[in-house]
């Protein structure tokens, strides 16, 4: 039979009260903060994109592919808009949609992946492209967000397995807009 020894006051053992309940002091740290402290968290940001077309139209904005061997955990999605929409309908919100596993061969403008631990040399094995072309999506979006203007940030929780990819597309009722989008996340250990 095992015995739990009361370590009250020792500074390195847990206390046990008269009802045999274990008492400890604990520090809680979420997985993203822990990953950032260890150089495994990243930020993906398209910077500002000038989008135009004949309203209404849809446009892919960001493609992310996990070329690494560990899963990506995406924890935040952000959208920003300068507020200079033009064209027939400048008040209808822009609908952002995220699709998993787009098919085709993506091409576009490289988007930097930035380590959230300043000065950490880790490079993330991600392919990130702004304004990607050559992709097709099917089915319902995994996430979607209406955007009315300004800046928005939302907590999201989804996993991109090794070899998998996602694409963010937007549906516009206006003829042009200037905006950016991106994610915060981390790689598994």
C-alpha atoms as a PDB file:
ATOM      1  CA  UNK A   1       0.000   0.000   0.000  1.00  0.00           C
ATOM      2  CA  UNK A   2       1.285   3.489  -0.909  1.00  0.00           C
ATOM      3  CA  UNK A   3       1.292   6.425   1.464  1.00  0.00           C
ATOM      4  CA  UNK A   4       1.083  10.075   0.452  1.00  0.00           C
ATOM      5  CA  UNK A   5       3.426  12.066   2.656  1.00  0.00           C
ATOM      6  CA  UNK A   6       2.423  15.604   3.641  1.00  0.00           C
ATOM      7  CA  UNK A   7       5.066  17.997   2.371  1.00  0.00           C
ATOM      8  CA  UNK A   8       3.587  21.223   3.805  1.00  0.00           C
ATOM      9  CA  UNK A   9       6.230  23.906   4.123  1.00  0.00           C
ATOM     10  CA  UNK A  10       9.006  21.986   2.352  1.00  0.00           C
ATOM     11  CA  UNK A  11       8.776  24.058  -0.846  1.00  0.00           C
ATOM     12  CA  UNK A  12       9.139  21.006  -3.078  1.00  0.00           C
ATOM     13  CA  UNK A  13       6.374  18.604  -1.968  1.00  0.00           C
ATOM     14  CA  UNK A  14       2.601  18.825  -2.108  1.00  0.00           C
ATOM     15  CA  UNK A  15       0.546  19.339   1.004  1.00  0.00           C
ATOM     16  CA  UNK A  16      -2.022  16.760   2.103  1.00  0.00           C
ATOM     17  CA  UNK A  17      -4.893  17.981   4.300  1.00  0.00           C
ATOM     18  CA  UNK A  18      -6.758  16.085   7.041  1.00  0.00           C
ATOM     19  CA  UNK A  19      -9.255  14.791   4.438  1.00  0.00           C
ATOM     20  CA  UNK A  20      -6.406  13.389   2.298  1.00  0.00           C
ATOM     21  CA  UNK A  21      -6.848  16.017  -0.401  1.00  0.00           C
ATOM     22  CA  UNK A  22      -3.733  17.020  -2.293  1.00  0.00           C
ATOM     23  CA  UNK A  23      -2.935  20.764  -2.199  1.00  0.00           C
ATOM     24  CA  UNK A  24      -0.614  22.331  -4.756  1.00  0.00           C
ATOM     25  CA  UNK A  25       0.179  25.702  -6.250  1.00  0.00           C
ATOM     26  CA  UNK A  26       0.154  25.554 -10.029  1.00  0.00           C
ATOM     27  CA  UNK A  27       0.961  27.803 -12.940  1.00  0.00           C
ATOM     28  CA  UNK A  28      -1.338  27.395 -15.941  1.00  0.00           C
ATOM     29  CA  UNK A  29       0.039  28.241 -19.370  1.00  0.00           C
ATOM     30  CA  UNK A  30      -1.861  27.670 -22.592  1.00  0.00           C
ATOM     31  CA  UNK A  31      -0.274  25.704 -25.429  1.00  0.00           C
ATOM     32  CA  UNK A  32       0.226  28.767 -27.685  1.00  0.00           C
ATOM     33  CA  UNK A  33       2.126  30.703 -25.002  1.00  0.00           C
ATOM     34  CA  UNK A  34       4.270  27.639 -24.280  1.00  0.00           C
ATOM     35  CA  UNK A  35       4.995  27.191 -28.002  1.00  0.00           C
ATOM     36  CA  UNK A  36       5.900  30.890 -28.378  1.00  0.00           C
ATOM     37  CA  UNK A  37       8.324  30.665 -25.450  1.00  0.00           C
ATOM     38  CA  UNK A  38       9.997  27.712 -27.169  1.00  0.00           C
ATOM     39  CA  UNK A  39      10.159  29.214 -30.673  1.00  0.00           C
ATOM     40  CA  UNK A  40       7.403  27.012 -32.132  1.00  0.00           C
ATOM     41  CA  UNK A  41       4.719  29.706 -32.627  1.00  0.00           C
ATOM     42  CA  UNK A  42       4.298  31.677 -35.839  1.00  0.00           C
ATOM     43  CA  UNK A  43       2.413  34.474 -37.513  1.00  0.00           C
ATOM     44  CA  UNK A  44       1.289  34.410 -41.163  1.00  0.00           C
ATOM     45  CA  UNK A  45       0.163  37.753 -42.604  1.00  0.00           C
ATOM     46  CA  UNK A  46      -0.595  38.608 -46.231  1.00  0.00           C
ATOM     47  CA  UNK A  47       0.171  42.292 -45.657  1.00  0.00           C
ATOM     48  CA  UNK A  48      -2.126  44.609 -47.612  1.00  0.00           C
ATOM     49  CA  UNK A  49      -3.776  43.227 -50.739  1.00  0.00           C
ATOM     50  CA  UNK A  50      -5.473  45.455 -53.307  1.00  0.00           C
ATOM     51  CA  UNK A  51      -8.424  43.422 -54.568  1.00  0.00           C
ATOM     52  CA  UNK A  52     -10.593  44.313 -57.546  1.00  0.00           C
ATOM     53  CA  UNK A  53     -13.120  42.708 -59.864  1.00  0.00           C
ATOM     54  CA  UNK A  54     -16.640  43.054 -61.221  1.00  0.00           C
ATOM     55  CA  UNK A  55     -19.040  42.777 -58.308  1.00  0.00           C
ATOM     56  CA  UNK A  56     -20.100  40.357 -57.060  1.00  0.00           C
ATOM     57  CA  UNK A  57     -16.968  38.226 -57.234  1.00  0.00           C
ATOM     58  CA  UNK A  58     -14.896  35.789 -55.155  1.00  0.00           C
ATOM     59  CA  UNK A  59     -11.118  35.805 -54.789  1.00  0.00           C
ATOM     60  CA  UNK A  60      -8.692  33.448 -53.016  1.00  0.00           C
ATOM     61  CA  UNK A  61      -6.531  35.491 -50.617  1.00  0.00           C
ATOM     62  CA  UNK A  62      -4.251  33.119 -48.688  1.00  0.00           C
ATOM     63  CA  UNK A  63      -3.020  29.556 -49.169  1.00  0.00           C
ATOM     64  CA  UNK A  64      -1.189  27.682 -46.411  1.00  0.00           C
ATOM     65  CA  UNK A  65       0.324  24.207 -46.835  1.00  0.00           C
ATOM     66  CA  UNK A  66       2.002  22.263 -44.049  1.00  0.00           C
ATOM     67  CA  UNK A  67       5.120  20.734 -45.627  1.00  0.00           C
ATOM     68  CA  UNK A  68       6.470  19.725 -42.215  1.00  0.00           C
ATOM     69  CA  UNK A  69       6.239  16.459 -40.317  1.00  0.00           C
ATOM     70  CA  UNK A  70       4.227  17.744 -37.319  1.00  0.00           C
ATOM     71  CA  UNK A  71       0.731  19.158 -37.105  1.00  0.00           C
ATOM     72  CA  UNK A  72      -0.006  22.889 -37.200  1.00  0.00           C
ATOM     73  CA  UNK A  73      -2.376  24.196 -34.581  1.00  0.00           C
ATOM     74  CA  UNK A  74      -4.092  27.369 -35.781  1.00  0.00           C
ATOM     75  CA  UNK A  75      -5.350  29.452 -32.865  1.00  0.00           C
ATOM     76  CA  UNK A  76      -6.135  32.925 -34.228  1.00  0.00           C
ATOM     77  CA  UNK A  77      -7.496  34.366 -37.465  1.00  0.00           C
ATOM     78  CA  UNK A  78      -7.259  38.058 -38.244  1.00  0.00           C
ATOM     79  CA  UNK A  79      -8.663  40.319 -40.936  1.00  0.00           C
ATOM     80  CA  UNK A  80      -7.964  44.004 -41.523  1.00  0.00           C
ATOM     81  CA  UNK A  81      -9.349  46.469 -44.033  1.00  0.00           C
ATOM     82  CA  UNK A  82      -8.295  49.987 -44.863  1.00  0.00           C
ATOM     83  CA  UNK A  83     -11.913  51.100 -45.444  1.00  0.00           C
ATOM     84  CA  UNK A  84     -11.573  52.298 -49.021  1.00  0.00           C
ATOM     85  CA  UNK A  85     -14.080  50.057 -50.812  1.00  0.00           C
ATOM     86  CA  UNK A  86     -15.308  51.284 -54.178  1.00  0.00           C
ATOM     87  CA  UNK A  87     -18.000  50.256 -56.624  1.00  0.00           C
ATOM     88  CA  UNK A  88     -21.641  49.364 -56.625  1.00  0.00           C
ATOM     89  CA  UNK A  89     -22.089  48.050 -53.057  1.00  0.00           C
ATOM     90  CA  UNK A  90     -19.612  49.242 -50.450  1.00  0.00           C
ATOM     91  CA  UNK A  91     -21.755  48.462 -47.368  1.00  0.00           C
ATOM     92  CA  UNK A  92     -22.396  44.724 -47.743  1.00  0.00           C
ATOM     93  CA  UNK A  93     -19.912  42.807 -45.595  1.00  0.00           C
ATOM     94  CA  UNK A  94     -17.133  40.797 -47.196  1.00  0.00           C
ATOM     95  CA  UNK A  95     -17.606  37.073 -46.560  1.00  0.00           C
ATOM     96  CA  UNK A  96     -14.343  35.261 -45.784  1.00  0.00           C
ATOM     97  CA  UNK A  97     -14.375  31.458 -46.131  1.00  0.00           C
ATOM     98  CA  UNK A  98     -11.760  28.853 -45.235  1.00  0.00           C
ATOM     99  CA  UNK A  99     -11.607  25.567 -47.133  1.00  0.00           C
ATOM    100  CA  UNK A 100      -9.491  22.540 -46.364  1.00  0.00           C
ATOM    101  CA  UNK A 101      -7.637  20.407 -48.903  1.00  0.00           C
ATOM    102  CA  UNK A 102      -7.936  22.559 -52.030  1.00  0.00           C
ATOM    103  CA  UNK A 103      -6.954  20.702 -55.190  1.00  0.00           C
ATOM    104  CA  UNK A 104      -4.595  21.887 -57.914  1.00  0.00           C
ATOM    105  CA  UNK A 105      -1.148  23.423 -57.977  1.00  0.00           C
ATOM    106  CA  UNK A 106      -0.963  26.736 -56.159  1.00  0.00           C
ATOM    107  CA  UNK A 107       1.030  29.707 -57.342  1.00  0.00           C
ATOM    108  CA  UNK A 108       1.067  33.242 -55.970  1.00  0.00           C
ATOM    109  CA  UNK A 109       3.144  35.698 -53.980  1.00  0.00           C
ATOM    110  CA  UNK A 110       5.173  34.279 -51.073  1.00  0.00           C
ATOM    111  CA  UNK A 111       3.977  35.296 -47.629  1.00  0.00           C
ATOM    112  CA  UNK A 112       6.542  35.313 -44.813  1.00  0.00           C
ATOM    113  CA  UNK A 113       6.076  33.075 -41.798  1.00  0.00           C
ATOM    114  CA  UNK A 114       7.388  34.907 -38.737  1.00  0.00           C
ATOM    115  CA  UNK A 115       8.549  33.219 -35.539  1.00  0.00           C
ATOM    116  CA  UNK A 116       6.723  34.682 -32.526  1.00  0.00           C
ATOM    117  CA  UNK A 117       9.870  34.342 -30.393  1.00  0.00           C
ATOM    118  CA  UNK A 118      11.983  37.311 -31.382  1.00  0.00           C
ATOM    119  CA  UNK A 119      15.453  36.267 -32.517  1.00  0.00           C
ATOM    120  CA  UNK A 120      14.659  32.539 -32.690  1.00  0.00           C
ATOM    121  CA  UNK A 121      16.249  31.030 -35.829  1.00  0.00           C
ATOM    122  CA  UNK A 122      13.592  28.313 -36.336  1.00  0.00           C
ATOM    123  CA  UNK A 123      12.207  28.207 -39.873  1.00  0.00           C
ATOM    124  CA  UNK A 124       8.749  26.728 -40.343  1.00  0.00           C
ATOM    125  CA  UNK A 125       8.209  24.286 -43.203  1.00  0.00           C
ATOM    126  CA  UNK A 126       5.118  26.022 -44.582  1.00  0.00           C
ATOM    127  CA  UNK A 127       4.195  27.146 -48.063  1.00  0.00           C
ATOM    128  CA  UNK A 128       2.207  30.377 -47.748  1.00  0.00           C
ATOM    129  CA  UNK A 129       0.969  32.296 -50.787  1.00  0.00           C
ATOM    130  CA  UNK A 130      -1.043  35.494 -51.158  1.00  0.00           C
ATOM    131  CA  UNK A 131      -3.591  35.740 -53.990  1.00  0.00           C
ATOM    132  CA  UNK A 132      -3.129  32.066 -54.915  1.00  0.00           C
ATOM    133  CA  UNK A 133      -4.209  30.783 -58.311  1.00  0.00           C
ATOM    134  CA  UNK A 134      -4.572  27.263 -59.686  1.00  0.00           C
ATOM    135  CA  UNK A 135      -6.730  25.919 -56.828  1.00  0.00           C
ATOM    136  CA  UNK A 136     -10.231  24.477 -56.640  1.00  0.00           C
ATOM    137  CA  UNK A 137     -12.365  23.973 -53.544  1.00  0.00           C
ATOM    138  CA  UNK A 138     -15.454  21.873 -52.941  1.00  0.00           C
ATOM    139  CA  UNK A 139     -17.972  21.314 -50.196  1.00  0.00           C
ATOM    140  CA  UNK A 140     -18.865  23.657 -47.392  1.00  0.00           C
ATOM    141  CA  UNK A 141     -16.333  26.024 -45.858  1.00  0.00           C
ATOM    142  CA  UNK A 142     -14.715  24.893 -42.606  1.00  0.00           C
ATOM    143  CA  UNK A 143     -14.862  28.452 -41.232  1.00  0.00           C
ATOM    144  CA  UNK A 144     -16.439  31.640 -42.406  1.00  0.00           C
ATOM    145  CA  UNK A 145     -16.507  35.198 -41.159  1.00  0.00           C
ATOM    146  CA  UNK A 146     -18.437  38.267 -42.255  1.00  0.00           C
ATOM    147  CA  UNK A 147     -16.282  41.371 -42.177  1.00  0.00           C
ATOM    148  CA  UNK A 148     -17.811  44.853 -42.017  1.00  0.00           C
ATOM    149  CA  UNK A 149     -14.576  46.864 -41.944  1.00  0.00           C
ATOM    150  CA  UNK A 150     -11.658  47.796 -39.696  1.00  0.00           C
ATOM    151  CA  UNK A 151      -9.711  45.078 -37.909  1.00  0.00           C
ATOM    152  CA  UNK A 152     -11.056  41.812 -36.521  1.00  0.00           C
ATOM    153  CA  UNK A 153      -9.354  39.018 -34.595  1.00  0.00           C
ATOM    154  CA  UNK A 154     -10.975  35.780 -33.547  1.00  0.00           C
ATOM    155  CA  UNK A 155      -9.901  32.695 -31.686  1.00  0.00           C
ATOM    156  CA  UNK A 156     -10.047  29.607 -33.871  1.00  0.00           C
ATOM    157  CA  UNK A 157      -8.967  26.081 -33.087  1.00  0.00           C
ATOM    158  CA  UNK A 158      -8.200  23.787 -35.965  1.00  0.00           C
ATOM    159  CA  UNK A 159      -5.403  21.445 -36.955  1.00  0.00           C
ATOM    160  CA  UNK A 160      -3.600  21.266 -40.293  1.00  0.00           C
ATOM    161  CA  UNK A 161      -1.956  17.812 -40.440  1.00  0.00           C
ATOM    162  CA  UNK A 162       1.411  17.275 -42.135  1.00  0.00           C
ATOM    163  CA  UNK A 163       0.898  17.460 -45.910  1.00  0.00           C
ATOM    164  CA  UNK A 164      -2.522  19.160 -45.642  1.00  0.00           C
ATOM    165  CA  UNK A 165      -3.447  22.660 -46.802  1.00  0.00           C
ATOM    166  CA  UNK A 166      -6.092  25.361 -46.454  1.00  0.00           C
ATOM    167  CA  UNK A 167      -7.180  28.349 -48.521  1.00  0.00           C
ATOM    168  CA  UNK A 168      -8.975  31.543 -47.473  1.00  0.00           C
ATOM    169  CA  UNK A 169     -11.282  33.051 -50.079  1.00  0.00           C
ATOM    170  CA  UNK A 170     -13.410  36.182 -49.894  1.00  0.00           C
ATOM    171  CA  UNK A 171     -16.687  37.117 -51.550  1.00  0.00           C
ATOM    172  CA  UNK A 172     -17.016  40.778 -52.508  1.00  0.00           C
ATOM    173  CA  UNK A 173     -20.143  42.824 -53.315  1.00  0.00           C
ATOM    174  CA  UNK A 174     -17.952  45.887 -53.990  1.00  0.00           C
ATOM    175  CA  UNK A 175     -15.620  46.410 -56.967  1.00  0.00           C
ATOM    176  CA  UNK A 176     -12.419  46.933 -54.952  1.00  0.00           C
ATOM    177  CA  UNK A 177     -11.033  46.850 -51.422  1.00  0.00           C
ATOM    178  CA  UNK A 178      -7.661  46.902 -49.630  1.00  0.00           C
ATOM    179  CA  UNK A 179      -7.288  44.300 -46.898  1.00  0.00           C
ATOM    180  CA  UNK A 180      -5.096  41.685 -45.270  1.00  0.00           C
ATOM    181  CA  UNK A 181      -5.657  38.387 -43.510  1.00  0.00           C
ATOM    182  CA  UNK A 182      -3.624  35.813 -41.652  1.00  0.00           C
ATOM    183  CA  UNK A 183      -3.260  33.358 -38.794  1.00  0.00           C
ATOM    184  CA  UNK A 184      -1.381  32.805 -35.596  1.00  0.00           C
ATOM    185  CA  UNK A 185      -0.525  29.244 -34.666  1.00  0.00           C
ATOM    186  CA  UNK A 186       2.164  26.833 -33.610  1.00  0.00           C
ATOM    187  CA  UNK A 187       3.771  23.544 -34.567  1.00  0.00           C
ATOM    188  CA  UNK A 188       3.528  20.475 -32.368  1.00  0.00           C
ATOM    189  CA  UNK A 189       6.493  19.078 -30.468  1.00  0.00           C
END
